[in-house]
Protein backbone atom coordinates (compact mmCIF):
# COMPACT_ATOMS: atom_id res chain seq x y z
CA UNK A 1 0.88 11.25 56.12
CA UNK A 2 -2.02 13.46 54.48
CA UNK A 3 -3.29 15.98 56.76
CA UNK A 4 -6.85 15.25 57.77
CA UNK A 5 -9.86 16.84 56.18
CA UNK A 6 -11.16 19.63 57.82
CA UNK A 7 -14.82 18.73 58.65
CA UNK A 8 -15.28 22.52 56.08
CA UNK A 9 -13.43 20.23 53.55
CA UNK A 10 -15.34 16.89 54.12
CA UNK A 11 -18.65 19.03 53.26
CA UNK A 12 -17.03 21.27 50.35
CA UNK A 13 -15.70 17.56 48.61
CA UNK A 14 -19.93 15.90 49.66
CA UNK A 15 -21.51 18.66 47.45
CA UNK A 16 -18.53 18.18 44.30
CA UNK A 17 -19.45 14.38 44.34
CA UNK A 18 -23.39 14.43 45.42
CA UNK A 19 -24.60 17.73 44.22
CA UNK A 20 -24.29 16.75 40.02
CA UNK A 21 -26.17 13.68 40.89
CA UNK A 22 -29.42 15.60 41.48
CA UNK A 23 -31.26 17.21 39.48
CA UNK A 24 -31.60 21.44 39.63
CA UNK A 25 -34.32 21.30 41.47
CA UNK A 26 -33.45 19.28 44.07
CA UNK A 27 -32.15 21.86 46.75
CA UNK A 28 -29.17 19.53 48.88
CA UNK A 29 -28.08 20.61 52.42
CA UNK A 30 -24.88 18.96 53.86
CA UNK A 31 -24.00 19.21 57.93
CA UNK A 32 -21.80 17.36 60.01
CA UNK A 33 -23.89 16.90 62.91
CA UNK A 34 -22.67 14.23 66.51
CA UNK A 35 -25.85 13.01 67.88
CA UNK A 36 -25.17 9.43 70.67
CA UNK A 37 -23.58 7.62 67.91
CA UNK A 38 -20.60 10.05 66.94
CA UNK A 39 -20.72 12.56 64.61
CA UNK A 40 -22.01 12.03 60.72
CA UNK A 41 -22.86 13.99 57.42
CA UNK A 42 -26.28 14.70 57.02
CA UNK A 43 -27.76 15.28 53.47
CA UNK A 44 -30.65 16.87 53.62
CA UNK A 45 -32.89 17.38 50.07
CA UNK A 46 -36.66 18.70 49.17
CA UNK A 47 -38.30 15.36 48.37
CA UNK A 48 -38.62 11.24 49.44
CA UNK A 49 -37.58 10.99 45.61
CA UNK A 50 -34.17 13.08 45.71
CA UNK A 51 -34.07 10.67 49.77
CA UNK A 52 -33.69 7.71 48.33
CA UNK A 53 -31.97 8.23 45.06
CA UNK A 54 -29.29 9.89 47.27
CA UNK A 55 -29.52 6.46 49.56
CA UNK A 56 -28.36 4.87 46.64
CA UNK A 57 -25.62 6.86 45.15
CA UNK A 58 -23.94 7.31 48.31
CA UNK A 59 -22.89 4.43 50.31
CA UNK A 60 -23.55 3.97 54.56
CA UNK A 61 -19.38 5.97 55.57
CA UNK A 62 -17.90 9.12 53.80
CA UNK A 63 -14.44 9.84 54.84
CA UNK A 64 -14.97 7.96 57.79
CA UNK A 65 -18.39 9.84 59.10
CA UNK A 66 -21.81 7.97 59.06
CA UNK A 67 -24.07 9.29 56.55
CA UNK A 68 -27.52 9.82 57.12
CA UNK A 69 -30.28 11.03 54.46
CA UNK A 70 -33.35 12.77 55.32
CA UNK A 71 -36.14 14.93 53.81
CA UNK A 72 -38.42 17.88 53.88
CA UNK A 73 -41.94 15.70 54.55
CA UNK A 74 -44.44 17.98 52.20
CA UNK A 75 -47.33 19.10 54.09
CA UNK A 76 -49.53 18.10 51.58
CA UNK A 77 -48.46 14.75 52.19
CA UNK A 78 -50.26 14.21 55.09
């Protein structure tokens, strides 16, 4: 059977899969985190447009991890 991918391999795969979808101006940051619901893979981008786009592109699980999309709120929008 195939060896299970390490967290770093999963992160690298996620970058390879989704980074080409985004404008070079949208900085994508991917990490694996844990919360009450278990481990998940978190995709962070700069703005809500990029976040909305990624949510359409990324399924709700990736390599068995729940996916979470986050974006930084621009202070000028508050």
